[in-house]
Amino acid sequence: MLTKRIIPCLDIKNGRTVKGVNFQNLQDAGDPVALATHYSAQGADELTLLDITATLEERETFVNVVKDVAKAINIPFTVGGGISNAKQVEGLLSAGADKVSVNTSAIVNPQLIAELAKQFGSQCVVVAIDTKLTSNGWEVVSHAGTKPTGLSATDWAKECYNRGAGEILLTSFTSDGTRQGFALDITREVSETVSIPVIASGGAGNAQHFVDVFTTGKADAALAAGIFHYGVLSIKSIKNELKANGIEVRI
């Protein structure tokens, strides 16, 4: 059995880590390099860094953060935010990132997934899918959850897989920041639809939520932010709980 992964997420704005609820009301959560170093030492399996503003004037700031994080840690990390072409990917990988995450740009231009997979390898390409529960079921949303796309989350995940994605980062916008638990139904549905790893994101509040997302939700990895940044839970305590429930993790 493959070990399940715990992945802290650092949302970066102007070179600082921030956190909000449903992507709103952002508050400072600390220095990204210090947090990355702390999580690596705590036993995180990977990290994810997201440039949540990704404007041109802040892009250089983010690249510098990626370089500094790469020097500070020895675990894999993924970077995302505003990535829309191979040149940006090349720059971020050169700065030390192991994988890149694309989201809105893949919705606008699905061929981008295949292009990046061909040039850099599928193992390097993570497609982030933000989804919201609507009257039509779990729908893909873009632009930080503000724009409905009409796409079914499961159908879009399948298309991403078929186009060469190596992983799916599935965020329930409905659950994000609430600490009420991951969206188990859509996580399981996507996990059973594609044969690539699915990272569950949005809603983690206690160790049982991680147990649930790996068992009921069938996820391969679980991502969280606020509970780690504000010391609600430690990575070690989560892994101990997972181990106690017979779930394989790297201790």
Protein backbone atom coordinates (compact mmCIF):
# COMPACT_ATOMS: atom_id res chain seq x y z
CA MET A 1 0.00 0.00 0.00
CA LEU A 2 1.29 3.46 -0.91
CA THR A 3 1.81 5.77 2.03
CA LYS A 4 -0.60 8.67 2.36
CA ARG A 5 0.87 12.16 2.23
CA ILE A 6 0.29 15.21 4.42
CA ILE A 7 0.93 18.48 2.56
CA PRO A 8 0.91 21.89 4.25
CA CYS A 9 -0.07 24.69 1.86
CA LEU A 10 1.39 28.18 1.93
CA ASP A 11 -0.67 30.85 0.17
CA ILE A 12 1.78 33.62 -0.72
CA LYS A 13 0.95 37.30 -1.18
CA ASN A 14 3.66 39.97 -1.43
CA GLY A 15 6.22 37.48 -0.14
CA ARG A 16 4.22 36.58 2.99
CA THR A 17 2.06 33.60 3.91
CA VAL A 18 -1.65 34.48 4.28
CA LYS A 19 -4.81 32.58 5.17
CA GLY A 20 -8.53 33.32 4.97
CA VAL A 21 -11.94 31.62 4.84
CA ASN A 22 -13.38 30.76 1.41
CA PHE A 23 -10.38 32.67 -0.02
CA GLN A 24 -11.59 35.92 1.66
CA ASN A 25 -10.49 38.10 4.60
CA LEU A 26 -6.81 37.23 4.26
CA GLN A 27 -4.63 37.53 7.34
CA ASP A 28 -0.87 37.31 7.70
CA ALA A 29 0.26 33.83 8.75
CA GLY A 30 4.03 34.20 8.77
CA ASP A 31 7.25 34.03 6.80
CA PRO A 32 7.03 31.31 4.11
CA VAL A 33 10.64 30.17 4.40
CA ALA A 34 10.39 29.83 8.19
CA LEU A 35 7.10 27.95 7.89
CA ALA A 36 8.44 25.68 5.14
CA THR A 37 11.48 24.83 7.26
CA HIS A 38 9.28 24.13 10.28
CA TYR A 39 6.91 21.85 8.35
CA SER A 40 9.77 19.95 6.74
CA ALA A 41 11.26 19.31 10.18
CA GLN A 42 7.84 18.28 11.51
CA GLY A 43 7.53 15.49 8.95
CA ALA A 44 5.56 17.02 6.08
CA ASP A 45 5.76 14.80 3.01
CA GLU A 46 5.56 17.70 0.57
CA LEU A 47 4.68 21.38 0.48
CA THR A 48 2.55 23.47 -1.84
CA LEU A 49 3.22 27.17 -2.44
CA LEU A 50 0.53 29.19 -4.19
CA ASP A 51 1.04 32.72 -5.47
CA ILE A 52 -2.52 33.85 -4.84
CA THR A 53 -2.25 37.25 -6.48
CA ALA A 54 0.18 36.31 -9.27
CA THR A 55 0.33 39.78 -10.76
CA LEU A 56 3.28 40.70 -12.93
CA GLU A 57 4.80 43.09 -10.42
CA GLU A 58 4.72 40.42 -7.68
CA ARG A 59 5.93 37.51 -9.82
CA GLU A 60 9.59 38.23 -9.07
CA THR A 61 8.83 38.29 -5.35
CA PHE A 62 7.30 34.84 -5.63
CA VAL A 63 10.24 33.42 -7.62
CA ASN A 64 12.56 34.65 -4.89
CA VAL A 65 10.41 32.91 -2.26
CA VAL A 66 10.62 29.68 -4.31
CA LYS A 67 14.42 29.97 -4.45
CA ASP A 68 14.67 30.58 -0.70
CA VAL A 69 12.34 27.68 0.14
CA ALA A 70 14.29 25.33 -2.16
CA LYS A 71 17.49 26.17 -0.28
CA ALA A 72 15.85 25.64 3.11
CA ILE A 73 14.09 22.27 2.73
CA ASN A 74 14.79 18.80 1.35
CA ILE A 75 11.25 17.60 0.60
CA PRO A 76 9.42 18.01 -2.73
CA PHE A 77 7.28 21.08 -3.24
CA THR A 78 4.75 22.25 -5.80
CA VAL A 79 4.23 25.85 -6.87
CA GLY A 80 1.21 27.42 -8.52
CA GLY A 81 -0.61 30.65 -9.20
CA GLY A 82 -1.00 32.41 -12.53
CA ILE A 83 1.00 29.83 -14.50
CA SER A 84 -0.08 29.86 -18.13
CA ASN A 85 2.93 28.86 -20.25
CA ALA A 86 6.01 26.65 -20.42
CA LYS A 87 8.41 29.55 -19.92
CA GLN A 88 6.95 30.28 -16.48
CA VAL A 89 7.17 26.60 -15.58
CA GLU A 90 10.79 26.46 -16.68
CA GLY A 91 11.59 29.46 -14.50
CA LEU A 92 9.91 28.00 -11.41
CA LEU A 93 11.54 24.60 -11.86
CA SER A 94 14.90 26.32 -12.32
CA ALA A 95 14.24 28.19 -9.06
CA GLY A 96 13.95 24.83 -7.28
CA ALA A 97 10.32 23.73 -7.50
CA ASP A 98 9.63 20.03 -8.13
CA LYS A 99 6.13 20.35 -9.59
CA VAL A 100 3.83 23.07 -10.86
CA SER A 101 0.11 23.52 -10.39
CA VAL A 102 -2.16 24.99 -13.06
CA ASN A 103 -5.79 25.94 -12.52
CA THR A 104 -7.67 28.67 -14.41
CA SER A 105 -5.18 28.61 -17.29
CA ALA A 106 -5.95 24.92 -17.88
CA ILE A 107 -9.68 25.65 -17.99
CA VAL A 108 -9.12 28.42 -20.53
CA ASN A 109 -6.67 26.32 -22.55
CA PRO A 110 -6.94 22.58 -21.77
CA GLN A 111 -4.18 21.84 -24.30
CA LEU A 112 -1.76 23.49 -21.87
CA ILE A 113 -1.89 20.34 -19.73
CA ALA A 114 -0.69 18.16 -22.60
CA GLU A 115 1.97 20.69 -23.60
CA LEU A 116 3.44 20.86 -20.11
CA ALA A 117 3.24 17.08 -19.64
CA LYS A 118 5.09 16.54 -22.91
CA GLN A 119 7.82 19.07 -22.14
CA PHE A 120 8.35 18.44 -18.42
CA GLY A 121 6.74 15.04 -17.76
CA SER A 122 3.35 14.22 -16.26
CA GLN A 123 4.91 13.76 -12.83
CA CYS A 124 5.60 17.50 -12.83
CA VAL A 125 2.07 18.64 -13.75
CA VAL A 126 -0.57 19.07 -11.05
CA VAL A 127 -3.98 20.35 -12.12
CA ALA A 128 -5.75 22.23 -9.34
CA ILE A 129 -9.52 21.98 -9.44
CA ASP A 130 -11.59 24.33 -7.27
CA THR A 131 -15.13 23.07 -6.91
CA LYS A 132 -18.29 24.39 -5.30
CA LEU A 133 -21.51 22.55 -4.46
CA THR A 134 -24.30 24.09 -6.54
CA SER A 135 -27.80 23.11 -7.63
CA ASN A 136 -26.08 21.29 -10.51
CA GLY A 137 -23.82 19.26 -8.21
CA TRP A 138 -20.11 19.80 -7.72
CA GLU A 139 -19.19 22.46 -10.27
CA VAL A 140 -15.72 23.71 -11.18
CA VAL A 141 -15.17 27.37 -10.34
CA SER A 142 -12.31 29.63 -11.43
CA HIS A 143 -10.74 32.96 -10.47
CA ALA A 144 -10.55 32.13 -6.73
CA GLY A 145 -14.05 30.71 -6.69
CA THR A 146 -15.74 33.76 -8.18
CA LYS A 147 -16.60 32.40 -11.64
CA PRO A 148 -18.75 29.34 -12.30
CA THR A 149 -17.60 27.35 -15.34
CA GLY A 150 -20.50 24.95 -15.89
CA LEU A 151 -18.01 22.07 -15.77
CA SER A 152 -18.63 19.00 -13.63
CA ALA A 153 -15.69 18.49 -11.27
CA THR A 154 -15.55 14.78 -12.02
CA ASP A 155 -15.75 15.23 -15.78
CA TRP A 156 -13.07 17.91 -15.71
CA ALA A 157 -10.78 15.74 -13.56
CA LYS A 158 -11.16 12.92 -16.07
CA GLU A 159 -10.29 15.24 -18.95
CA CYS A 160 -7.23 16.53 -17.08
CA TYR A 161 -6.10 12.94 -16.52
CA ASN A 162 -6.62 12.08 -20.18
CA ARG A 163 -4.61 15.13 -21.24
CA GLY A 164 -1.60 14.11 -19.15
CA ALA A 165 -1.98 15.51 -15.63
CA GLY A 166 0.10 13.65 -13.07
CA GLU A 167 -1.98 14.65 -10.03
CA ILE A 168 -5.24 16.39 -9.19
CA LEU A 169 -5.38 18.93 -6.37
CA LEU A 170 -9.07 18.99 -5.53
CA THR A 171 -10.19 21.89 -3.36
CA SER A 172 -13.73 22.14 -2.05
CA PHE A 173 -14.37 25.86 -2.12
CA THR A 174 -17.50 25.16 -0.09
CA SER A 175 -15.38 23.74 2.75
CA ASP A 176 -12.27 25.90 2.49
CA GLY A 177 -11.22 27.42 5.81
CA THR A 178 -14.30 26.16 7.66
CA ARG A 179 -12.55 23.34 9.57
CA GLN A 180 -15.71 21.27 9.24
CA GLY A 181 -14.07 18.44 7.31
CA PHE A 182 -13.12 17.63 3.73
CA ALA A 183 -15.80 17.17 1.07
CA LEU A 184 -15.73 13.38 1.15
CA ASP A 185 -18.31 12.69 -1.54
CA ILE A 186 -16.67 14.58 -4.39
CA THR A 187 -13.19 13.54 -3.24
CA ARG A 188 -14.17 9.88 -3.43
CA GLU A 189 -15.93 10.35 -6.76
CA VAL A 190 -12.89 11.94 -8.36
CA SER A 191 -10.49 9.46 -6.75
CA GLU A 192 -12.47 6.56 -8.18
CA THR A 193 -12.70 8.20 -11.63
CA VAL A 194 -9.00 8.85 -12.32
CA SER A 195 -6.00 6.59 -11.83
CA ILE A 196 -3.61 9.34 -10.75
CA PRO A 197 -3.16 10.63 -7.19
CA VAL A 198 -5.84 12.96 -5.84
CA ILE A 199 -4.88 15.52 -3.20
CA ALA A 200 -7.85 16.57 -1.06
CA SER A 201 -7.99 20.18 0.09
CA GLY A 202 -10.40 22.41 1.97
CA GLY A 203 -12.00 21.96 5.37
CA ALA A 204 -9.48 20.16 7.59
CA GLY A 205 -10.15 20.83 11.26
CA ASN A 206 -9.07 17.79 13.26
CA ALA A 207 -7.15 14.53 12.90
CA GLN A 208 -10.32 12.50 12.28
CA HIS A 209 -10.97 14.56 9.16
CA PHE A 210 -7.71 13.21 7.73
CA VAL A 211 -8.67 9.66 8.64
CA ASP A 212 -12.02 10.18 6.90
CA VAL A 213 -10.56 11.65 3.71
CA PHE A 214 -8.14 8.75 3.30
CA THR A 215 -10.71 6.04 4.05
CA THR A 216 -14.15 7.27 2.95
CA GLY A 217 -12.74 9.88 0.54
CA LYS A 218 -10.13 7.55 -1.01
CA ALA A 219 -7.66 10.44 -1.34
CA ASP A 220 -3.95 9.83 -1.86
CA ALA A 221 -2.85 12.99 -0.04
CA ALA A 222 -4.43 15.69 2.10
CA LEU A 223 -3.55 19.37 2.05
CA ALA A 224 -4.23 21.94 4.77
CA ALA A 225 -3.12 25.42 5.72
CA GLY A 226 -4.72 27.27 8.62
CA ILE A 227 -4.66 24.41 11.12
CA PHE A 228 -0.91 24.17 10.65
CA HIS A 229 -0.13 27.89 10.46
CA TYR A 230 -1.99 28.65 13.70
CA GLY A 231 -0.87 25.56 15.62
CA VAL A 232 -4.29 23.89 15.82
CA LEU A 233 -2.77 20.55 14.84
CA SER A 234 0.73 19.25 14.26
CA ILE A 235 1.72 17.03 11.37
CA LYS A 236 3.05 14.49 13.87
CA SER A 237 -0.26 14.27 15.75
CA ILE A 238 -2.16 13.72 12.50
CA LYS A 239 0.23 11.00 11.37
CA ASN A 240 0.02 9.26 14.75
CA GLU A 241 -3.78 9.22 14.45
CA LEU A 242 -3.59 7.89 10.90
CA LYS A 243 -1.14 5.17 11.97
CA ALA A 244 -3.46 4.20 14.84
CA ASN A 245 -6.24 3.74 12.28
CA GLY A 246 -4.15 1.44 10.10
CA ILE A 247 -3.34 4.07 7.46
CA GLU A 248 0.21 3.90 6.11
CA VAL A 249 2.18 7.12 6.55
CA ARG A 250 5.83 8.10 6.66
CA ILE A 251 6.75 8.83 10.28
